[in-house]
Amino acid sequence: MGDRASNHMKLIAHCRLYGILDTGYVSPESMAAMAGSLIDGGVDILQLRAKKNSREEIRTMALELVPICRKAGIPFILNDHPDLVPETGANGAHVGQDDLSVAEARKLAGPRALIGKSTHSLNQAMAAVAESPDYIGFGPLFATATKPDYSPIGTEQIREVYRVIPFPVFCIGGINLGNLAAVLACGAERVVIVSDLLRAENPTARTTACRALLPA
């Protein structure tokens, strides 16, 4: 696991700051520019999340974003739609608890694809081990407008999830520059930050500030 990206692509094990290009905050027309801003700020991996867009719209955005991420040497992940991985050149896909299994997603995305899995409790994280994803998301730690239907799980289980999970864990949900140090103090080593980067007056500077707090 974690070595499925190309030889010139940052390995998932070396990724600390996971950015998400969410169409809830960024228009399709602005996606490329925002990707460039986050990459310039030092983001380690990018995902396209377009819950309300059509498959064809997602495909179009992905085809624009893949070369940008490839040039920067960072993995590009599609939220859902593992079937679009081969035809867009994305590096992988991310699936939720109620979506396809990791095995089903990898069958569609291809054997070299990175597959991530969302988990919302320690039990779900431990259950995900049997599916052998390349990484998991763990959260939401805090209430977040990005995932309004999910109850925050807090930070108490962070150390335990890092202790028992044998692959990269990215904490997610309401994390921002203001609370990042506290999240890291609770044992987190990798985080996903969404709205705090996308809505920042200067996304590049905000990304740089967040990345500076994370391990090298």
C-alpha atoms as a PDB file:
ATOM      1  CA  MET A   1       0.000   0.000   0.000  1.00  0.00           C
ATOM      2  CA  GLY A   2       1.028   3.582  -0.478  1.00  0.00           C
ATOM      3  CA  ASP A   3       3.395   2.824  -3.360  1.00  0.00           C
ATOM      4  CA  ARG A   4       0.870   2.668  -6.161  1.00  0.00           C
ATOM      5  CA  ALA A   5       1.476   6.225  -7.377  1.00  0.00           C
ATOM      6  CA  SER A   6       3.986   6.797 -10.176  1.00  0.00           C
ATOM      7  CA  ASN A   7       7.721   6.923  -9.558  1.00  0.00           C
ATOM      8  CA  HIS A   8       7.652  10.731  -9.707  1.00  0.00           C
ATOM      9  CA  MET A   9       4.605  11.107  -7.475  1.00  0.00           C
ATOM     10  CA  LYS A  10       4.785  11.805  -3.752  1.00  0.00           C
ATOM     11  CA  LEU A  11       3.942   8.635  -1.830  1.00  0.00           C
ATOM     12  CA  ILE A  12       0.827   8.719   0.329  1.00  0.00           C
ATOM     13  CA  ALA A  13       2.975   7.830   3.345  1.00  0.00           C
ATOM     14  CA  HIS A  14       4.849  11.110   2.855  1.00  0.00           C
ATOM     15  CA  CYS A  15       1.700  13.238   2.585  1.00  0.00           C
ATOM     16  CA  ARG A  16       0.723  15.347   5.595  1.00  0.00           C
ATOM     17  CA  LEU A  17      -1.629  18.069   4.320  1.00  0.00           C
ATOM     18  CA  TYR A  18      -4.563  16.881   2.235  1.00  0.00           C
ATOM     19  CA  GLY A  19      -6.477  19.559   0.372  1.00  0.00           C
ATOM     20  CA  ILE A  20      -9.935  19.139  -1.147  1.00  0.00           C
ATOM     21  CA  LEU A  21     -11.147  21.153  -4.107  1.00  0.00           C
ATOM     22  CA  ASP A  22     -14.833  21.268  -3.207  1.00  0.00           C
ATOM     23  CA  THR A  23     -17.331  22.697  -5.673  1.00  0.00           C
ATOM     24  CA  GLY A  24     -19.326  23.910  -2.687  1.00  0.00           C
ATOM     25  CA  TYR A  25     -16.627  26.563  -2.279  1.00  0.00           C
ATOM     26  CA  VAL A  26     -14.887  26.775  -5.650  1.00  0.00           C
ATOM     27  CA  SER A  27     -16.542  27.093  -9.064  1.00  0.00           C
ATOM     28  CA  PRO A  28     -15.454  24.707 -11.818  1.00  0.00           C
ATOM     29  CA  GLU A  29     -14.007  27.693 -13.665  1.00  0.00           C
ATOM     30  CA  SER A  30     -11.773  28.538 -10.693  1.00  0.00           C
ATOM     31  CA  MET A  31     -10.605  25.000  -9.913  1.00  0.00           C
ATOM     32  CA  ALA A  32      -7.322  25.146 -11.805  1.00  0.00           C
ATOM     33  CA  ALA A  33      -6.318  28.455 -10.244  1.00  0.00           C
ATOM     34  CA  MET A  34      -7.193  27.234  -6.754  1.00  0.00           C
ATOM     35  CA  ALA A  35      -5.257  24.009  -7.308  1.00  0.00           C
ATOM     36  CA  GLY A  36      -2.239  26.090  -8.269  1.00  0.00           C
ATOM     37  CA  SER A  37      -2.613  28.246  -5.165  1.00  0.00           C
ATOM     38  CA  LEU A  38      -2.776  25.259  -2.817  1.00  0.00           C
ATOM     39  CA  ILE A  39       0.138  23.546  -4.562  1.00  0.00           C
ATOM     40  CA  ASP A  40       2.219  26.719  -4.302  1.00  0.00           C
ATOM     41  CA  GLY A  41       1.410  26.745  -0.598  1.00  0.00           C
ATOM     42  CA  GLY A  42       2.750  23.227  -0.104  1.00  0.00           C
ATOM     43  CA  VAL A  43      -0.287  20.947  -0.078  1.00  0.00           C
ATOM     44  CA  ASP A  44       0.794  17.297  -0.382  1.00  0.00           C
ATOM     45  CA  ILE A  45      -2.261  15.747  -2.044  1.00  0.00           C
ATOM     46  CA  LEU A  46      -5.439  17.092  -3.676  1.00  0.00           C
ATOM     47  CA  GLN A  47      -8.914  15.667  -4.067  1.00  0.00           C
ATOM     48  CA  LEU A  48     -11.747  16.854  -6.285  1.00  0.00           C
ATOM     49  CA  ARG A  49     -15.081  16.679  -4.457  1.00  0.00           C
ATOM     50  CA  ALA A  50     -18.064  17.621  -6.612  1.00  0.00           C
ATOM     51  CA  LYS A  51     -21.124  16.111  -4.956  1.00  0.00           C
ATOM     52  CA  LYS A  52     -23.671  18.071  -6.999  1.00  0.00           C
ATOM     53  CA  ASN A  53     -21.976  17.914 -10.378  1.00  0.00           C
ATOM     54  CA  SER A  54     -22.625  15.471 -13.177  1.00  0.00           C
ATOM     55  CA  ARG A  55     -20.209  12.717 -14.095  1.00  0.00           C
ATOM     56  CA  GLU A  56     -19.310  14.580 -17.292  1.00  0.00           C
ATOM     57  CA  GLU A  57     -18.654  17.815 -15.395  1.00  0.00           C
ATOM     58  CA  ILE A  58     -16.424  15.940 -12.966  1.00  0.00           C
ATOM     59  CA  ARG A  59     -14.600  14.324 -15.852  1.00  0.00           C
ATOM     60  CA  THR A  60     -13.989  17.724 -17.455  1.00  0.00           C
ATOM     61  CA  MET A  61     -12.638  19.213 -14.218  1.00  0.00           C
ATOM     62  CA  ALA A  62     -10.457  16.167 -13.590  1.00  0.00           C
ATOM     63  CA  LEU A  63      -8.914  16.347 -17.048  1.00  0.00           C
ATOM     64  CA  GLU A  64      -7.919  19.942 -16.298  1.00  0.00           C
ATOM     65  CA  LEU A  65      -6.582  19.209 -12.824  1.00  0.00           C
ATOM     66  CA  VAL A  66      -4.646  16.000 -13.479  1.00  0.00           C
ATOM     67  CA  PRO A  67      -1.816  17.661 -15.477  1.00  0.00           C
ATOM     68  CA  ILE A  68      -1.465  20.401 -12.836  1.00  0.00           C
ATOM     69  CA  CYS A  69      -1.041  17.868 -10.037  1.00  0.00           C
ATOM     70  CA  ARG A  70       1.165  15.600 -12.122  1.00  0.00           C
ATOM     71  CA  LYS A  71       3.525  18.478 -12.904  1.00  0.00           C
ATOM     72  CA  ALA A  72       3.725  19.249  -9.195  1.00  0.00           C
ATOM     73  CA  GLY A  73       4.323  15.594  -8.340  1.00  0.00           C
ATOM     74  CA  ILE A  74       1.375  15.298  -5.967  1.00  0.00           C
ATOM     75  CA  PRO A  75      -1.394  12.664  -6.061  1.00  0.00           C
ATOM     76  CA  PHE A  76      -4.778  13.686  -7.436  1.00  0.00           C
ATOM     77  CA  ILE A  77      -7.807  11.858  -6.023  1.00  0.00           C
ATOM     78  CA  LEU A  78     -11.420  11.784  -7.157  1.00  0.00           C
ATOM     79  CA  ASN A  79     -14.126  11.722  -4.523  1.00  0.00           C
ATOM     80  CA  ASP A  80     -16.296   8.766  -5.557  1.00  0.00           C
ATOM     81  CA  HIS A  81     -16.262   7.887  -9.288  1.00  0.00           C
ATOM     82  CA  PRO A  82     -13.414   5.343  -9.298  1.00  0.00           C
ATOM     83  CA  ASP A  83     -14.553   4.489 -12.823  1.00  0.00           C
ATOM     84  CA  LEU A  84     -13.265   7.889 -13.943  1.00  0.00           C
ATOM     85  CA  VAL A  85      -9.735   7.205 -12.722  1.00  0.00           C
ATOM     86  CA  PRO A  86      -8.490   5.319 -15.803  1.00  0.00           C
ATOM     87  CA  GLU A  87      -9.946   7.734 -18.349  1.00  0.00           C
ATOM     88  CA  THR A  88      -8.825  10.918 -16.590  1.00  0.00           C
ATOM     89  CA  GLY A  89      -5.408   9.810 -15.381  1.00  0.00           C
ATOM     90  CA  ALA A  90      -6.243  10.534 -11.739  1.00  0.00           C
ATOM     91  CA  ASN A  91      -4.141   8.699  -9.170  1.00  0.00           C
ATOM     92  CA  GLY A  92      -7.049   7.231  -7.274  1.00  0.00           C
ATOM     93  CA  ALA A  93     -10.456   7.609  -5.678  1.00  0.00           C
ATOM     94  CA  HIS A  94     -11.948   8.133  -2.240  1.00  0.00           C
ATOM     95  CA  VAL A  95     -15.053   6.259  -1.106  1.00  0.00           C
ATOM     96  CA  GLY A  96     -17.410   6.778   1.821  1.00  0.00           C
ATOM     97  CA  GLN A  97     -18.892   4.346   4.297  1.00  0.00           C
ATOM     98  CA  ASP A  98     -22.024   3.903   2.195  1.00  0.00           C
ATOM     99  CA  ASP A  99     -20.258   3.785  -1.173  1.00  0.00           C
ATOM    100  CA  LEU A 100     -18.437   0.979  -2.946  1.00  0.00           C
ATOM    101  CA  SER A 101     -16.072  -1.229  -1.013  1.00  0.00           C
ATOM    102  CA  VAL A 102     -12.360  -0.598  -1.391  1.00  0.00           C
ATOM    103  CA  ALA A 103     -12.034  -3.768  -3.484  1.00  0.00           C
ATOM    104  CA  GLU A 104     -14.849  -2.701  -5.802  1.00  0.00           C
ATOM    105  CA  ALA A 105     -13.391   0.781  -6.148  1.00  0.00           C
ATOM    106  CA  ARG A 106      -9.933  -0.585  -6.916  1.00  0.00           C
ATOM    107  CA  LYS A 107     -11.377  -2.953  -9.517  1.00  0.00           C
ATOM    108  CA  LEU A 108     -12.869   0.052 -11.328  1.00  0.00           C
ATOM    109  CA  ALA A 109      -9.951   2.404 -10.768  1.00  0.00           C
ATOM    110  CA  GLY A 110      -7.187  -0.048 -11.612  1.00  0.00           C
ATOM    111  CA  PRO A 111      -4.608  -2.007  -9.612  1.00  0.00           C
ATOM    112  CA  ARG A 112      -2.201   0.940  -9.315  1.00  0.00           C
ATOM    113  CA  ALA A 113      -4.853   3.363  -8.049  1.00  0.00           C
ATOM    114  CA  LEU A 114      -4.801   4.809  -4.565  1.00  0.00           C
ATOM    115  CA  ILE A 115      -8.055   4.134  -2.727  1.00  0.00           C
ATOM    116  CA  GLY A 116      -9.053   6.040   0.404  1.00  0.00           C
ATOM    117  CA  LYS A 117     -11.930   5.286   2.765  1.00  0.00           C
ATOM    118  CA  SER A 118     -13.931   7.575   5.048  1.00  0.00           C
ATOM    119  CA  THR A 119     -14.383   6.465   8.653  1.00  0.00           C
ATOM    120  CA  HIS A 120     -16.388   8.160  11.382  1.00  0.00           C
ATOM    121  CA  SER A 121     -15.416   6.193  14.494  1.00  0.00           C
ATOM    122  CA  LEU A 122     -12.631   4.057  15.874  1.00  0.00           C
ATOM    123  CA  ASN A 123     -14.708   0.949  15.131  1.00  0.00           C
ATOM    124  CA  GLN A 124     -15.149   1.959  11.487  1.00  0.00           C
ATOM    125  CA  ALA A 125     -11.433   2.697  11.216  1.00  0.00           C
ATOM    126  CA  MET A 126     -10.581  -0.744  12.593  1.00  0.00           C
ATOM    127  CA  ALA A 127     -13.112  -2.386  10.271  1.00  0.00           C
ATOM    128  CA  ALA A 128     -11.482  -0.611   7.329  1.00  0.00           C
ATOM    129  CA  VAL A 129      -8.213  -2.442   7.991  1.00  0.00           C
ATOM    130  CA  ALA A 130      -9.730  -5.605   6.511  1.00  0.00           C
ATOM    131  CA  GLU A 131     -10.439  -3.714   3.277  1.00  0.00           C
ATOM    132  CA  SER A 132      -6.797  -2.618   2.910  1.00  0.00           C
ATOM    133  CA  PRO A 133      -7.300   0.945   1.669  1.00  0.00           C
ATOM    134  CA  ASP A 134      -4.198   3.016   1.031  1.00  0.00           C
ATOM    135  CA  TYR A 135      -5.320   5.523   3.653  1.00  0.00           C
ATOM    136  CA  ILE A 136      -8.392   6.515   5.659  1.00  0.00           C
ATOM    137  CA  GLY A 137     -10.058   9.758   6.602  1.00  0.00           C
ATOM    138  CA  PHE A 138     -11.010   9.934  10.294  1.00  0.00           C
ATOM    139  CA  GLY A 139     -13.667  12.384  11.399  1.00  0.00           C
ATOM    140  CA  PRO A 140     -15.322  14.783  11.391  1.00  0.00           C
ATOM    141  CA  LEU A 141     -13.442  15.911  14.479  1.00  0.00           C
ATOM    142  CA  PHE A 142     -15.465  19.110  14.728  1.00  0.00           C
ATOM    143  CA  ALA A 143     -18.751  20.362  13.336  1.00  0.00           C
ATOM    144  CA  THR A 144     -18.301  21.436   9.735  1.00  0.00           C
ATOM    145  CA  ALA A 145     -20.528  22.974   7.085  1.00  0.00           C
ATOM    146  CA  THR A 146     -18.870  20.654   4.576  1.00  0.00           C
ATOM    147  CA  LYS A 147     -20.460  17.633   6.282  1.00  0.00           C
ATOM    148  CA  PRO A 148     -23.509  19.022   8.124  1.00  0.00           C
ATOM    149  CA  ASP A 149     -25.169  15.615   8.488  1.00  0.00           C
ATOM    150  CA  TYR A 150     -22.319  14.091  10.498  1.00  0.00           C
ATOM    151  CA  SER A 151     -21.953  14.464  14.254  1.00  0.00           C
ATOM    152  CA  PRO A 152     -18.455  15.516  15.337  1.00  0.00           C
ATOM    153  CA  ILE A 153     -16.485  12.768  17.034  1.00  0.00           C
ATOM    154  CA  GLY A 154     -13.968  14.962  18.864  1.00  0.00           C
ATOM    155  CA  THR A 155     -10.266  14.381  19.358  1.00  0.00           C
ATOM    156  CA  GLU A 156     -10.194  11.787  22.154  1.00  0.00           C
ATOM    157  CA  GLN A 157      -9.650   8.772  19.874  1.00  0.00           C
ATOM    158  CA  ILE A 158      -6.930  10.253  17.664  1.00  0.00           C
ATOM    159  CA  ARG A 159      -3.975   8.661  19.486  1.00  0.00           C
ATOM    160  CA  GLU A 160      -5.670   5.282  19.525  1.00  0.00           C
ATOM    161  CA  VAL A 161      -6.543   5.330  15.837  1.00  0.00           C
ATOM    162  CA  TYR A 162      -2.933   6.151  14.972  1.00  0.00           C
ATOM    163  CA  ARG A 163      -1.760   3.354  17.259  1.00  0.00           C
ATOM    164  CA  VAL A 164      -3.928   0.615  15.785  1.00  0.00           C
ATOM    165  CA  ILE A 165      -4.222   1.547  12.094  1.00  0.00           C
ATOM    166  CA  PRO A 166      -1.310   0.290   9.960  1.00  0.00           C
ATOM    167  CA  PHE A 167      -1.640   2.808   7.120  1.00  0.00           C
ATOM    168  CA  PRO A 168      -1.890   6.619   6.862  1.00  0.00           C
ATOM    169  CA  VAL A 169      -4.730   8.279   8.788  1.00  0.00           C
ATOM    170  CA  PHE A 170      -5.868  11.769   7.814  1.00  0.00           C
ATOM    171  CA  CYS A 171      -7.947  13.563  10.447  1.00  0.00           C
ATOM    172  CA  ILE A 172     -10.734  15.611   8.888  1.00  0.00           C
ATOM    173  CA  GLY A 173     -13.638  17.842   9.783  1.00  0.00           C
ATOM    174  CA  GLY A 174     -13.570  21.467  10.870  1.00  0.00           C
ATOM    175  CA  ILE A 175      -9.771  21.618  11.074  1.00  0.00           C
ATOM    176  CA  ASN A 176      -8.281  25.053  10.434  1.00  0.00           C
ATOM    177  CA  LEU A 177      -5.162  27.084  11.129  1.00  0.00           C
ATOM    178  CA  GLY A 178      -6.609  28.191  14.455  1.00  0.00           C
ATOM    179  CA  ASN A 179      -7.119  24.698  15.893  1.00  0.00           C
ATOM    180  CA  LEU A 180      -4.483  22.736  13.963  1.00  0.00           C
ATOM    181  CA  ALA A 181      -1.856  22.903  16.711  1.00  0.00           C
ATOM    182  CA  ALA A 182      -4.369  21.529  19.222  1.00  0.00           C
ATOM    183  CA  VAL A 183      -5.322  18.698  16.846  1.00  0.00           C
ATOM    184  CA  LEU A 184      -1.653  17.800  16.434  1.00  0.00           C
ATOM    185  CA  ALA A 185      -1.207  17.907  20.209  1.00  0.00           C
ATOM    186  CA  CYS A 186      -3.939  15.252  20.432  1.00  0.00           C
ATOM    187  CA  GLY A 187      -1.795  12.924  18.319  1.00  0.00           C
ATOM    188  CA  ALA A 188      -2.723  13.702  14.712  1.00  0.00           C
ATOM    189  CA  GLU A 189       0.050  13.444  12.140  1.00  0.00           C
ATOM    190  CA  ARG A 190      -1.914  14.087   8.944  1.00  0.00           C
ATOM    191  CA  VAL A 191      -4.918  16.313   8.327  1.00  0.00           C
ATOM    192  CA  VAL A 192      -7.447  17.271   5.705  1.00  0.00           C
ATOM    193  CA  ILE A 193      -8.274  20.981   5.566  1.00  0.00           C
ATOM    194  CA  VAL A 194     -11.014  22.216   3.255  1.00  0.00           C
ATOM    195  CA  SER A 195     -12.906  25.476   3.795  1.00  0.00           C
ATOM    196  CA  ASP A 196     -10.146  27.192   5.778  1.00  0.00           C
ATOM    197  CA  LEU A 197      -7.898  26.973   2.725  1.00  0.00           C
ATOM    198  CA  LEU A 198     -10.507  27.532   0.031  1.00  0.00           C
ATOM    199  CA  ARG A 199     -12.109  30.547   1.697  1.00  0.00           C
ATOM    200  CA  ALA A 200      -8.895  32.218   2.808  1.00  0.00           C
ATOM    201  CA  GLU A 201      -8.121  35.682   1.484  1.00  0.00           C
ATOM    202  CA  ASN A 202      -4.769  34.262   0.394  1.00  0.00           C
ATOM    203  CA  PRO A 203      -5.096  30.463  -0.049  1.00  0.00           C
ATOM    204  CA  THR A 204      -1.398  30.025  -0.770  1.00  0.00           C
ATOM    205  CA  ALA A 205      -0.309  31.791   2.405  1.00  0.00           C
ATOM    206  CA  ARG A 206      -2.891  29.930   4.491  1.00  0.00           C
ATOM    207  CA  THR A 207      -1.734  26.601   3.070  1.00  0.00           C
ATOM    208  CA  THR A 208       1.886  27.468   3.791  1.00  0.00           C
ATOM    209  CA  ALA A 209       1.023  28.390   7.382  1.00  0.00           C
ATOM    210  CA  CYS A 210      -0.845  25.117   7.939  1.00  0.00           C
ATOM    211  CA  ARG A 211       1.850  23.002   6.312  1.00  0.00           C
ATOM    212  CA  ALA A 212       4.523  24.612   8.486  1.00  0.00           C
ATOM    213  CA  LEU A 213       2.830  23.225  11.619  1.00  0.00           C
ATOM    214  CA  LEU A 214       2.804  19.657  10.303  1.00  0.00           C
ATOM    215  CA  PRO A 215       5.710  17.201  10.395  1.00  0.00           C
ATOM    216  CA  ALA A 216       8.127  17.348   7.456  1.00  0.00           C
END
